[in-house]
Amino acid sequence: VYKEDIQPINNALNKILDLRGVSYKMKDSKRPALGVIAQEIEHILPEVVSENDNGSKTVSYNHIIAVLIEAIKEQQKIIDDINQKIKKL
């Protein structure tokens, strides 16, 4: 086993709702891209942001997947609860 101190991701849906997806152009290539702004996301999910030697910040999008998975599960529970209430009406 390579992992220890495994903890659930709490309030995943709220974290995802606080994120802002953006479109932008890279300064060097002018190519359009989609993503998030590292300086914004580090306040919500600091674990997914790293800083290199020249001070540039990057986002590990792969690590956001775990939060998305838990957010979907939280949202599904809300949907299931609403469906149960509707059935009782």
N, C-alpha and C. Protein backbone atom coordinates (compact mmCIF):
# COMPACT_ATOMS: atom_id res chain seq x y z
N VAL A 1 0.86 -1.18 0.00
CA VAL A 1 0.00 0.00 0.00
C VAL A 1 0.90 1.23 0.00
N TYR A 2 0.64 2.15 -0.93
CA TYR A 2 1.47 3.34 -1.08
C TYR A 2 0.86 4.59 -0.46
N LYS A 3 -0.37 4.48 0.00
CA LYS A 3 -1.06 5.66 0.54
C LYS A 3 -1.36 5.44 2.00
N GLU A 4 -1.33 6.52 2.76
CA GLU A 4 -1.68 6.46 4.18
C GLU A 4 -2.45 7.71 4.55
N ASP A 5 -3.01 7.71 5.72
CA ASP A 5 -3.81 8.85 6.20
C ASP A 5 -4.88 9.23 5.18
N ILE A 6 -5.59 8.24 4.68
CA ILE A 6 -6.62 8.44 3.67
C ILE A 6 -7.86 9.03 4.33
N GLN A 7 -8.32 10.16 3.79
CA GLN A 7 -9.47 10.88 4.33
C GLN A 7 -10.47 11.15 3.21
N PRO A 8 -11.76 11.17 3.53
CA PRO A 8 -12.74 11.55 2.50
C PRO A 8 -12.62 13.03 2.16
N ILE A 9 -13.08 13.37 0.98
CA ILE A 9 -13.12 14.78 0.57
C ILE A 9 -14.48 15.32 0.98
N ASN A 10 -14.49 16.19 1.97
CA ASN A 10 -15.73 16.75 2.48
C ASN A 10 -16.11 18.01 1.71
N ASN A 11 -17.40 18.27 1.62
CA ASN A 11 -17.91 19.48 0.96
C ASN A 11 -17.40 19.62 -0.46
N ALA A 12 -17.28 18.52 -1.16
CA ALA A 12 -16.75 18.54 -2.53
C ALA A 12 -17.63 19.37 -3.45
N LEU A 13 -18.94 19.25 -3.31
CA LEU A 13 -19.83 20.01 -4.19
C LEU A 13 -19.64 21.51 -4.02
N ASN A 14 -19.54 21.96 -2.79
CA ASN A 14 -19.33 23.39 -2.54
C ASN A 14 -18.00 23.86 -3.11
N LYS A 15 -16.98 23.02 -3.02
CA LYS A 15 -15.68 23.38 -3.59
C LYS A 15 -15.78 23.52 -5.10
N ILE A 16 -16.46 22.60 -5.74
CA ILE A 16 -16.61 22.66 -7.19
C ILE A 16 -17.43 23.89 -7.59
N LEU A 17 -18.48 24.17 -6.83
CA LEU A 17 -19.31 25.34 -7.14
C LEU A 17 -18.54 26.65 -6.99
N ASP A 18 -17.50 26.65 -6.17
CA ASP A 18 -16.68 27.85 -5.97
C ASP A 18 -15.64 28.04 -7.08
N LEU A 19 -15.42 27.02 -7.90
CA LEU A 19 -14.44 27.14 -8.98
C LEU A 19 -15.01 27.93 -10.14
N ARG A 20 -14.12 28.53 -10.91
CA ARG A 20 -14.53 29.29 -12.08
C ARG A 20 -13.76 28.77 -13.27
N GLY A 21 -14.48 28.15 -14.19
CA GLY A 21 -13.87 27.72 -15.44
C GLY A 21 -13.80 28.90 -16.39
N VAL A 22 -12.70 29.01 -17.12
CA VAL A 22 -12.51 30.15 -18.02
C VAL A 22 -11.96 29.69 -19.36
N SER A 23 -12.17 30.53 -20.36
CA SER A 23 -11.45 30.37 -21.62
C SER A 23 -10.41 31.49 -21.66
N TYR A 24 -9.30 31.22 -22.30
CA TYR A 24 -8.21 32.20 -22.34
C TYR A 24 -7.29 31.88 -23.51
N LYS A 25 -6.34 32.77 -23.75
CA LYS A 25 -5.31 32.53 -24.75
C LYS A 25 -3.96 32.54 -24.06
N MET A 26 -3.11 31.60 -24.41
CA MET A 26 -1.76 31.57 -23.88
C MET A 26 -0.99 32.76 -24.44
N LYS A 27 -0.24 33.46 -23.60
CA LYS A 27 0.48 34.65 -24.03
C LYS A 27 1.52 34.33 -25.12
N ASP A 28 2.22 33.23 -24.97
CA ASP A 28 3.30 32.94 -25.91
C ASP A 28 2.81 32.46 -27.27
N SER A 29 1.79 31.61 -27.29
CA SER A 29 1.34 31.02 -28.56
C SER A 29 0.04 31.61 -29.09
N LYS A 30 -0.66 32.36 -28.25
CA LYS A 30 -1.98 32.92 -28.60
C LYS A 30 -3.02 31.83 -28.88
N ARG A 31 -2.71 30.59 -28.51
CA ARG A 31 -3.65 29.49 -28.69
C ARG A 31 -4.76 29.59 -27.67
N PRO A 32 -6.00 29.36 -28.09
CA PRO A 32 -7.10 29.35 -27.12
C PRO A 32 -7.03 28.10 -26.25
N ALA A 33 -7.47 28.26 -25.01
CA ALA A 33 -7.45 27.14 -24.07
C ALA A 33 -8.62 27.30 -23.10
N LEU A 34 -8.89 26.23 -22.40
CA LEU A 34 -9.91 26.20 -21.35
C LEU A 34 -9.26 25.73 -20.07
N GLY A 35 -9.69 26.27 -18.94
CA GLY A 35 -9.11 25.80 -17.68
C GLY A 35 -9.58 26.63 -16.51
N VAL A 36 -8.72 26.70 -15.52
CA VAL A 36 -8.95 27.50 -14.32
C VAL A 36 -7.71 28.35 -14.10
N ILE A 37 -7.83 29.34 -13.25
CA ILE A 37 -6.70 30.21 -12.92
C ILE A 37 -6.09 29.70 -11.61
N ALA A 38 -4.82 29.37 -11.65
CA ALA A 38 -4.16 28.77 -10.49
C ALA A 38 -4.28 29.65 -9.25
N GLN A 39 -4.12 30.94 -9.42
CA GLN A 39 -4.18 31.85 -8.27
C GLN A 39 -5.57 31.88 -7.63
N GLU A 40 -6.60 31.60 -8.41
CA GLU A 40 -7.95 31.53 -7.86
C GLU A 40 -8.22 30.18 -7.19
N ILE A 41 -7.82 29.14 -7.85
CA ILE A 41 -8.15 27.80 -7.36
C ILE A 41 -7.35 27.42 -6.11
N GLU A 42 -6.16 28.01 -5.94
CA GLU A 42 -5.35 27.63 -4.79
C GLU A 42 -6.01 28.01 -3.46
N HIS A 43 -6.95 28.96 -3.48
CA HIS A 43 -7.67 29.32 -2.25
C HIS A 43 -8.73 28.27 -1.91
N ILE A 44 -9.16 27.50 -2.91
CA ILE A 44 -10.21 26.51 -2.73
C ILE A 44 -9.63 25.11 -2.61
N LEU A 45 -8.70 24.79 -3.50
CA LEU A 45 -8.05 23.47 -3.53
C LEU A 45 -6.54 23.64 -3.60
N PRO A 46 -5.91 24.04 -2.51
CA PRO A 46 -4.46 24.29 -2.56
C PRO A 46 -3.65 23.05 -2.94
N GLU A 47 -4.21 21.87 -2.72
CA GLU A 47 -3.50 20.63 -3.02
C GLU A 47 -3.24 20.43 -4.50
N VAL A 48 -4.00 21.12 -5.36
CA VAL A 48 -3.86 20.89 -6.81
C VAL A 48 -2.97 21.94 -7.48
N VAL A 49 -2.45 22.89 -6.71
CA VAL A 49 -1.62 23.96 -7.28
C VAL A 49 -0.17 23.78 -6.82
N SER A 50 0.74 23.91 -7.77
CA SER A 50 2.15 23.89 -7.43
C SER A 50 2.83 25.10 -8.07
N GLU A 51 3.98 25.45 -7.52
CA GLU A 51 4.72 26.61 -8.01
C GLU A 51 6.11 26.15 -8.40
N ASN A 52 6.55 26.54 -9.59
CA ASN A 52 7.89 26.13 -10.01
C ASN A 52 8.92 27.17 -9.58
N ASP A 53 10.17 26.94 -9.95
CA ASP A 53 11.27 27.79 -9.48
C ASP A 53 11.16 29.24 -9.91
N ASN A 54 10.53 29.50 -11.05
CA ASN A 54 10.43 30.89 -11.50
C ASN A 54 9.16 31.59 -11.00
N GLY A 55 8.41 30.91 -10.12
CA GLY A 55 7.22 31.51 -9.51
C GLY A 55 5.93 31.28 -10.26
N SER A 56 6.00 30.59 -11.40
CA SER A 56 4.77 30.29 -12.14
C SER A 56 3.99 29.21 -11.42
N LYS A 57 2.69 29.37 -11.39
CA LYS A 57 1.83 28.39 -10.72
C LYS A 57 1.13 27.56 -11.78
N THR A 58 1.01 26.27 -11.48
CA THR A 58 0.32 25.36 -12.39
C THR A 58 -0.71 24.55 -11.61
N VAL A 59 -1.72 24.08 -12.34
CA VAL A 59 -2.79 23.30 -11.75
C VAL A 59 -2.68 21.86 -12.23
N SER A 60 -2.78 20.93 -11.30
CA SER A 60 -2.82 19.51 -11.65
C SER A 60 -4.29 19.13 -11.84
N TYR A 61 -4.73 19.16 -13.08
CA TYR A 61 -6.13 18.87 -13.38
C TYR A 61 -6.50 17.45 -12.99
N ASN A 62 -5.57 16.53 -13.07
CA ASN A 62 -5.87 15.14 -12.69
C ASN A 62 -6.31 15.04 -11.24
N HIS A 63 -5.76 15.88 -10.37
CA HIS A 63 -6.14 15.83 -8.96
C HIS A 63 -7.53 16.40 -8.70
N ILE A 64 -8.01 17.21 -9.61
CA ILE A 64 -9.37 17.75 -9.47
C ILE A 64 -10.41 16.66 -9.69
N ILE A 65 -10.06 15.62 -10.41
CA ILE A 65 -11.00 14.54 -10.72
C ILE A 65 -11.58 13.93 -9.45
N ALA A 66 -10.76 13.73 -8.43
CA ALA A 66 -11.25 13.14 -7.17
C ALA A 66 -12.33 14.01 -6.55
N VAL A 67 -12.16 15.32 -6.61
CA VAL A 67 -13.15 16.23 -6.05
C VAL A 67 -14.43 16.18 -6.88
N LEU A 68 -14.27 16.10 -8.21
CA LEU A 68 -15.45 16.00 -9.09
C LEU A 68 -16.23 14.72 -8.81
N ILE A 69 -15.54 13.62 -8.59
CA ILE A 69 -16.21 12.35 -8.28
C ILE A 69 -17.06 12.50 -7.02
N GLU A 70 -16.48 13.05 -5.98
CA GLU A 70 -17.22 13.20 -4.73
C GLU A 70 -18.34 14.22 -4.86
N ALA A 71 -18.14 15.26 -5.65
CA ALA A 71 -19.20 16.25 -5.86
C ALA A 71 -20.39 15.61 -6.58
N ILE A 72 -20.12 14.78 -7.56
CA ILE A 72 -21.21 14.09 -8.27
C ILE A 72 -21.97 13.19 -7.31
N LYS A 73 -21.27 12.51 -6.43
CA LYS A 73 -21.93 11.63 -5.46
C LYS A 73 -22.80 12.45 -4.50
N GLU A 74 -22.29 13.60 -4.07
CA GLU A 74 -23.09 14.48 -3.18
C GLU A 74 -24.33 14.97 -3.92
N GLN A 75 -24.15 15.35 -5.17
CA GLN A 75 -25.27 15.85 -5.97
C GLN A 75 -26.30 14.74 -6.20
N GLN A 76 -25.83 13.53 -6.45
CA GLN A 76 -26.75 12.41 -6.67
C GLN A 76 -27.57 12.12 -5.42
N LYS A 77 -26.95 12.26 -4.25
CA LYS A 77 -27.70 12.06 -3.00
C LYS A 77 -28.81 13.09 -2.88
N ILE A 78 -28.51 14.34 -3.25
CA ILE A 78 -29.53 15.39 -3.23
C ILE A 78 -30.66 15.03 -4.18
N ILE A 79 -30.33 14.59 -5.38
CA ILE A 79 -31.33 14.20 -6.38
C ILE A 79 -32.17 13.04 -5.86
N ASP A 80 -31.52 12.04 -5.28
CA ASP A 80 -32.25 10.89 -4.74
C ASP A 80 -33.20 11.30 -3.63
N ASP A 81 -32.75 12.18 -2.75
CA ASP A 81 -33.60 12.66 -1.65
C ASP A 81 -34.82 13.42 -2.20
N ILE A 82 -34.59 14.25 -3.20
CA ILE A 82 -35.71 14.99 -3.81
C ILE A 82 -36.69 14.02 -4.47
N ASN A 83 -36.17 13.02 -5.17
CA ASN A 83 -37.03 12.04 -5.82
C ASN A 83 -37.87 11.27 -4.81
N GLN A 84 -37.29 10.94 -3.67
CA GLN A 84 -38.05 10.25 -2.62
C GLN A 84 -39.17 11.14 -2.08
N LYS A 85 -38.89 12.43 -1.91
CA LYS A 85 -39.92 13.36 -1.43
C LYS A 85 -41.05 13.49 -2.47
N ILE A 86 -40.68 13.53 -3.74
CA ILE A 86 -41.69 13.63 -4.80
C ILE A 86 -42.57 12.40 -4.82
N LYS A 87 -41.99 11.23 -4.65
CA LYS A 87 -42.76 9.98 -4.65
C LYS A 87 -43.75 9.94 -3.51
N LYS A 88 -43.42 10.57 -2.38
CA LYS A 88 -44.32 10.56 -1.23
C LYS A 88 -45.50 11.52 -1.40
N LEU A 89 -45.41 12.42 -2.36
CA LEU A 89 -46.50 13.39 -2.56
C LEU A 89 -47.69 12.79 -3.26
